[in-house]
């Protein structure tokens, strides 16, 4: 990724490689999954061991319909979630006794997981190369991005309250986001949202077999949008560091003393996946909620 924010995805990110050959190469991955699905259809037991209205079989059917109808669509990131959900439901459908059906479903799960991961990386790569990944125009613009992430996190924890109990690291990452918000500059904020995305994807990977499909979808959507928000915050910090925008512009609308403190937080830019925390001796503890950050 030869883009200013590529360092955000180095090292411990653990992202798969994006498809370098464009849509044609990604479509070949989708074709493999189609072959896997019909290979399963050829070996599944007749009469089938589960009723047609069985919840797991129904979710698998819905997941396949979404993949077969929408395919790659117009967005690799959204497609990545569809294929991850297909893999998740395929694995949940594996019979305990093994056999040809189990082998077919496990093959589909492995290929769908790899394809989904590569599509996720491809989606981020495309975002990085597009104008949509540019800096935020002002504080209100950046705050709207933060509010979008907050809504997605709340939807996740409301829809599956157990996720907070089962993933302390995800909750801790969110606590850091909520406590510090945008107050110490976009460079540090980018790192917090980047960490939130990493933990969301980690939960999706580590707990996939036990997660309800809806929870897996919410986790992956949270991760994708948090990554994109981190990219835009990073580019905002770079623009200020390079003097291409007035330093007060990204924080227009904040009280003067808060804007000055936020601007001071730009002196370190994330490098090699890390950013130094800027200490300001006169700084007070940042307010907790996003609406307070805007002086409401």
Protein backbone atom coordinates (compact mmCIF):
# COMPACT_ATOMS: atom_id res chain seq x y z
CA UNK A 1 0.00 0.00 0.00
CA UNK A 2 1.87 3.06 -1.16
CA UNK A 3 -0.31 5.56 0.68
CA UNK A 4 0.32 7.96 3.56
CA UNK A 5 -1.66 5.84 6.00
CA UNK A 6 -0.16 2.49 5.01
CA UNK A 7 1.87 2.39 8.23
CA UNK A 8 -1.36 2.06 10.15
CA UNK A 9 -1.67 -1.48 8.82
CA UNK A 10 1.83 -2.81 9.36
CA UNK A 11 3.11 -5.35 11.84
CA UNK A 12 0.68 -6.46 14.50
CA UNK A 13 -2.33 -5.60 12.39
CA UNK A 14 -2.26 -9.11 11.00
CA UNK A 15 -4.36 -8.18 7.98
CA UNK A 16 -4.47 -10.57 5.05
CA UNK A 17 -3.01 -9.50 1.73
CA UNK A 18 -5.45 -7.62 -0.52
CA UNK A 19 -6.20 -9.03 -3.94
CA UNK A 20 -3.55 -7.40 -6.17
CA UNK A 21 -5.24 -8.44 -9.41
CA UNK A 22 -8.36 -6.38 -8.91
CA UNK A 23 -11.92 -7.56 -9.28
CA UNK A 24 -11.08 -10.43 -11.64
CA UNK A 25 -8.87 -12.08 -9.04
CA UNK A 26 -11.45 -11.53 -6.30
CA UNK A 27 -14.13 -13.07 -8.52
CA UNK A 28 -11.99 -16.18 -8.90
CA UNK A 29 -12.07 -16.50 -5.10
CA UNK A 30 -15.85 -16.20 -5.18
CA UNK A 31 -16.01 -18.91 -7.85
CA UNK A 32 -14.09 -21.27 -5.57
CA UNK A 33 -16.71 -20.69 -2.89
CA UNK A 34 -19.50 -21.40 -5.37
CA UNK A 35 -17.84 -24.71 -6.24
CA UNK A 36 -17.50 -25.51 -2.53
CA UNK A 37 -21.20 -24.86 -1.96
CA UNK A 38 -22.30 -27.17 -4.75
CA UNK A 39 -19.80 -29.79 -3.58
CA UNK A 40 -21.57 -29.72 -0.22
CA UNK A 41 -24.96 -29.97 -1.93
CA UNK A 42 -23.74 -33.10 -3.72
CA UNK A 43 -22.73 -34.93 -0.54
CA UNK A 44 -25.23 -33.73 2.08
CA UNK A 45 -27.36 -36.48 3.47
CA UNK A 46 -30.71 -37.32 1.87
CA UNK A 47 -33.18 -37.07 3.47
CA UNK A 48 -31.36 -34.18 5.10
CA UNK A 49 -30.51 -34.60 8.77
CA UNK A 50 -31.96 -31.17 9.70
CA UNK A 51 -35.41 -29.82 9.07
CA UNK A 52 -35.59 -26.99 6.54
CA UNK A 53 -36.65 -24.59 9.30
CA UNK A 54 -33.78 -25.51 11.62
CA UNK A 55 -32.17 -22.19 12.78
CA UNK A 56 -28.62 -23.10 11.74
CA UNK A 57 -29.64 -24.43 8.33
CA UNK A 58 -31.87 -21.40 7.81
CA UNK A 59 -28.98 -19.01 8.60
CA UNK A 60 -26.70 -20.93 6.26
CA UNK A 61 -29.32 -20.69 3.51
CA UNK A 62 -29.72 -16.94 4.05
CA UNK A 63 -25.95 -16.44 4.04
CA UNK A 64 -25.61 -18.31 0.76
CA UNK A 65 -28.47 -16.35 -0.79
CA UNK A 66 -26.79 -13.07 0.16
CA UNK A 67 -23.48 -14.19 -1.36
CA UNK A 68 -24.99 -15.64 -4.53
CA UNK A 69 -27.28 -12.65 -5.10
CA UNK A 70 -24.93 -9.78 -4.24
CA UNK A 71 -21.54 -11.38 -4.93
CA UNK A 72 -18.79 -8.83 -4.60
CA UNK A 73 -21.27 -6.00 -5.12
CA UNK A 74 -19.70 -2.56 -5.34
CA UNK A 75 -17.80 -2.67 -2.05
CA UNK A 76 -15.17 -5.22 -1.11
CA UNK A 77 -15.57 -4.45 2.60
CA UNK A 78 -19.28 -5.23 2.63
CA UNK A 79 -18.66 -8.35 0.55
CA UNK A 80 -16.02 -9.48 3.03
CA UNK A 81 -18.64 -9.56 5.79
CA UNK A 82 -21.05 -11.62 3.67
CA UNK A 83 -18.38 -14.22 3.00
CA UNK A 84 -17.27 -14.32 6.63
CA UNK A 85 -20.89 -14.93 7.67
CA UNK A 86 -21.18 -17.71 5.08
CA UNK A 87 -18.07 -19.35 6.49
CA UNK A 88 -19.37 -18.95 10.04
CA UNK A 89 -22.69 -20.62 9.28
CA UNK A 90 -20.98 -23.40 7.31
CA UNK A 91 -18.77 -24.22 10.27
CA UNK A 92 -21.77 -24.17 12.62
CA UNK A 93 -23.47 -26.70 10.34
CA UNK A 94 -20.64 -29.29 10.47
CA UNK A 95 -22.02 -32.61 11.79
CA UNK A 96 -20.36 -34.04 14.87
CA UNK A 97 -19.76 -37.44 13.30
CA UNK A 98 -17.50 -36.22 10.50
CA UNK A 99 -17.76 -37.76 7.07
CA UNK A 100 -17.94 -36.31 3.57
CA UNK A 101 -20.47 -33.64 4.48
CA UNK A 102 -18.30 -32.44 7.34
CA UNK A 103 -15.27 -32.27 5.06
CA UNK A 104 -17.21 -30.30 2.45
CA UNK A 105 -18.49 -27.78 5.02
CA UNK A 106 -15.06 -27.35 6.60
CA UNK A 107 -13.56 -26.71 3.16
CA UNK A 108 -16.21 -24.09 2.49
CA UNK A 109 -15.58 -22.49 5.89
CA UNK A 110 -11.80 -22.28 5.34
CA UNK A 111 -12.11 -20.80 1.86
CA UNK A 112 -14.84 -18.35 2.91
CA UNK A 113 -12.75 -17.16 5.86
CA UNK A 114 -9.67 -16.57 3.71
CA UNK A 115 -11.72 -14.91 0.97
CA UNK A 116 -13.49 -12.71 3.50
CA UNK A 117 -10.22 -11.63 5.10
CA UNK A 118 -8.65 -10.79 1.74
CA UNK A 119 -11.72 -8.84 0.68
CA UNK A 120 -11.55 -6.88 3.94
CA UNK A 121 -7.93 -5.96 3.23
CA UNK A 122 -8.82 -5.15 -0.37
CA UNK A 123 -11.62 -2.85 0.79
CA UNK A 124 -9.25 -0.93 3.06
CA UNK A 125 -6.65 -0.74 0.31
CA UNK A 126 -9.24 0.71 -2.07
CA UNK A 127 -10.38 3.17 0.59
CA UNK A 128 -6.81 4.30 1.21
CA UNK A 129 -6.36 4.99 -2.49
CA UNK A 130 -9.61 6.93 -2.83
CA UNK A 131 -10.50 10.53 -2.10
CA UNK A 132 -12.92 9.30 0.56
CA UNK A 133 -9.99 8.62 2.91
CA UNK A 134 -8.88 12.25 3.04
CA UNK A 135 -8.64 14.47 6.11
CA UNK A 136 -11.66 15.69 8.00
CA UNK A 137 -12.68 19.26 7.20
CA UNK A 138 -13.28 20.32 10.80
CA UNK A 139 -14.04 19.06 14.28
CA UNK A 140 -17.75 18.60 13.60
CA UNK A 141 -16.90 16.43 10.60
CA UNK A 142 -14.54 14.25 12.67
CA UNK A 143 -17.02 14.11 15.57
CA UNK A 144 -19.71 12.80 13.21
CA UNK A 145 -17.36 9.95 12.32
CA UNK A 146 -16.87 9.20 16.01
CA UNK A 147 -20.62 9.23 16.61
CA UNK A 148 -21.06 6.68 13.84
CA UNK A 149 -18.64 4.34 15.63
CA UNK A 150 -20.37 4.92 18.96
CA UNK A 151 -23.74 3.95 17.49
CA UNK A 152 -22.26 0.77 16.05
CA UNK A 153 -20.64 -0.19 19.34
CA UNK A 154 -23.89 0.42 21.22
CA UNK A 155 -25.82 -1.65 18.67
CA UNK A 156 -23.33 -4.47 19.23
CA UNK A 157 -23.51 -4.46 23.03
CA UNK A 158 -27.29 -3.97 23.05
CA UNK A 159 -27.88 -6.76 20.57
CA UNK A 160 -25.54 -9.15 22.41
CA UNK A 161 -25.00 -8.04 26.04
CA UNK A 162 -22.76 -11.06 26.63
CA UNK A 163 -20.11 -9.66 24.30
CA UNK A 164 -18.98 -7.25 27.01
CA UNK A 165 -18.63 -10.10 29.49
CA UNK A 166 -16.70 -12.30 27.09
CA UNK A 167 -14.30 -9.69 25.71
CA UNK A 168 -12.65 -7.49 28.29
CA UNK A 169 -10.08 -6.23 25.77
CA UNK A 170 -12.78 -4.95 23.43
CA UNK A 171 -14.49 -3.15 26.31
CA UNK A 172 -11.17 -1.66 27.42
CA UNK A 173 -10.47 -0.42 23.87
CA UNK A 174 -13.89 1.21 23.77
CA UNK A 175 -13.34 2.79 27.20
CA UNK A 176 -10.17 4.45 25.90
CA UNK A 177 -12.08 5.75 22.87
CA UNK A 178 -14.93 7.06 25.01
CA UNK A 179 -12.76 8.68 27.67
CA UNK A 180 -10.30 10.51 25.42
CA UNK A 181 -12.37 10.97 22.27
CA UNK A 182 -10.76 13.51 19.93
CA UNK A 183 -9.42 15.76 22.67
CA UNK A 184 -5.69 15.07 22.34
CA UNK A 185 -5.53 15.29 18.58
CA UNK A 186 -6.32 13.09 15.60
CA UNK A 187 -3.01 11.22 15.66
CA UNK A 188 -3.68 9.71 19.08
CA UNK A 189 -7.37 9.29 18.32
CA UNK A 190 -6.48 7.35 15.17
CA UNK A 191 -4.51 4.89 17.27
CA UNK A 192 -7.44 4.37 19.65
CA UNK A 193 -9.88 3.65 16.83
CA UNK A 194 -7.31 1.43 15.17
CA UNK A 195 -7.02 -0.56 18.41
CA UNK A 196 -10.81 -0.79 18.68
CA UNK A 197 -10.99 -2.26 15.18
CA UNK A 198 -8.24 -4.76 15.94
CA UNK A 199 -9.99 -6.00 19.07
CA UNK A 200 -13.35 -6.24 17.29
CA UNK A 201 -11.77 -8.37 14.57
CA UNK A 202 -9.97 -10.40 17.21
CA UNK A 203 -13.24 -11.23 18.94
CA UNK A 204 -14.77 -12.18 15.59
CA UNK A 205 -11.85 -14.50 14.85
CA UNK A 206 -11.48 -16.07 18.30
CA UNK A 207 -15.14 -16.58 19.09
CA UNK A 208 -16.57 -17.09 15.63
CA UNK A 209 -17.92 -20.56 16.23
CA UNK A 210 -19.90 -19.48 19.30
CA UNK A 211 -21.08 -16.10 18.05
CA UNK A 212 -24.60 -15.58 16.71
CA UNK A 213 -24.50 -14.52 13.06
CA UNK A 214 -25.94 -11.10 13.88
CA UNK A 215 -23.18 -10.46 16.42
CA UNK A 216 -20.47 -11.48 13.96
CA UNK A 217 -21.89 -9.06 11.40
CA UNK A 218 -21.97 -6.18 13.92
CA UNK A 219 -18.40 -6.89 15.05
CA UNK A 220 -17.05 -6.86 11.50
CA UNK A 221 -18.99 -3.72 10.59
CA UNK A 222 -17.65 -2.00 13.71
CA UNK A 223 -14.10 -3.00 12.77
CA UNK A 224 -14.42 -1.80 9.18
CA UNK A 225 -15.85 1.61 10.07
CA UNK A 226 -13.37 2.10 12.94
CA UNK A 227 -10.49 1.39 10.54
CA UNK A 228 -11.81 3.93 8.03
CA UNK A 229 -12.29 6.51 10.78
CA UNK A 230 -8.71 5.90 11.95
CA UNK A 231 -7.43 6.45 8.42
CA UNK A 232 -9.20 9.80 8.09
CA UNK A 233 -8.00 10.94 11.52
CA UNK A 234 -4.46 9.96 10.57
CA UNK A 235 -4.67 11.97 7.35
CA UNK A 236 -6.01 14.92 9.33
CA UNK A 237 -2.97 14.75 11.59
CA UNK A 238 -0.62 14.48 8.60
CA UNK A 239 -2.20 17.51 6.94
CA UNK A 240 -1.72 19.59 10.08
CA UNK A 241 1.83 18.34 10.60
CA UNK A 242 2.75 19.23 7.03
CA UNK A 243 1.17 22.65 7.28
CA UNK A 244 -1.25 22.05 4.41
CA UNK A 245 -4.18 23.26 6.51
CA UNK A 246 -4.52 25.84 9.23
CA UNK A 247 -4.02 24.07 12.55
CA UNK A 248 -7.20 25.45 14.06
CA UNK A 249 -9.42 24.40 11.16
CA UNK A 250 -9.97 20.72 12.09
CA UNK A 251 -11.17 21.85 15.53
CA UNK A 252 -13.30 24.82 14.58
CA UNK A 253 -16.30 24.98 16.90
CA UNK A 254 -14.46 23.90 20.05
CA UNK A 255 -13.86 26.24 22.98
CA UNK A 256 -10.59 28.10 22.39
CA UNK A 257 -8.65 26.42 25.18
CA UNK A 258 -9.79 22.95 24.09
CA UNK A 259 -8.97 23.64 20.44
CA UNK A 260 -5.48 24.79 21.38
CA UNK A 261 -4.91 21.64 23.42
CA UNK A 262 -6.22 19.42 20.64
CA UNK A 263 -3.97 21.10 18.09
CA UNK A 264 -0.96 20.49 20.36
CA UNK A 265 -1.73 16.78 20.20
CA UNK A 266 -0.63 16.59 16.56
CA UNK A 267 3.10 16.78 17.11
CA UNK A 268 3.57 13.00 16.82
CA UNK A 269 2.30 11.08 13.80
CA UNK A 270 1.74 7.29 13.88
CA UNK A 271 4.76 5.46 12.51
CA UNK A 272 5.16 1.70 12.19
CA UNK A 273 1.73 1.25 13.70
CA UNK A 274 2.42 3.30 16.86
CA UNK A 275 2.09 6.88 17.99
CA UNK A 276 3.65 8.59 20.96
CA UNK A 277 1.30 10.17 23.47
CA UNK A 278 1.85 13.90 23.77
CA UNK A 279 1.95 15.13 27.34
CA UNK A 280 0.73 18.61 28.15
CA UNK A 281 1.46 19.71 31.66
CA UNK A 282 -1.48 22.07 31.91
CA UNK A 283 -3.95 19.63 30.44
CA UNK A 284 -7.06 18.80 32.36
CA UNK A 285 -8.78 15.43 32.23
CA UNK A 286 -10.71 15.18 28.92
CA UNK A 287 -14.45 15.05 29.14
CA UNK A 288 -16.02 11.66 28.57
CA UNK A 289 -18.84 12.00 26.09
CA UNK A 290 -18.66 13.09 22.48
CA UNK A 291 -21.42 15.70 22.90
CA UNK A 292 -19.42 17.35 25.67
CA UNK A 293 -16.42 17.52 23.37
CA UNK A 294 -18.33 19.87 21.12
CA UNK A 295 -19.11 22.19 24.02
CA UNK A 296 -22.77 21.15 24.31
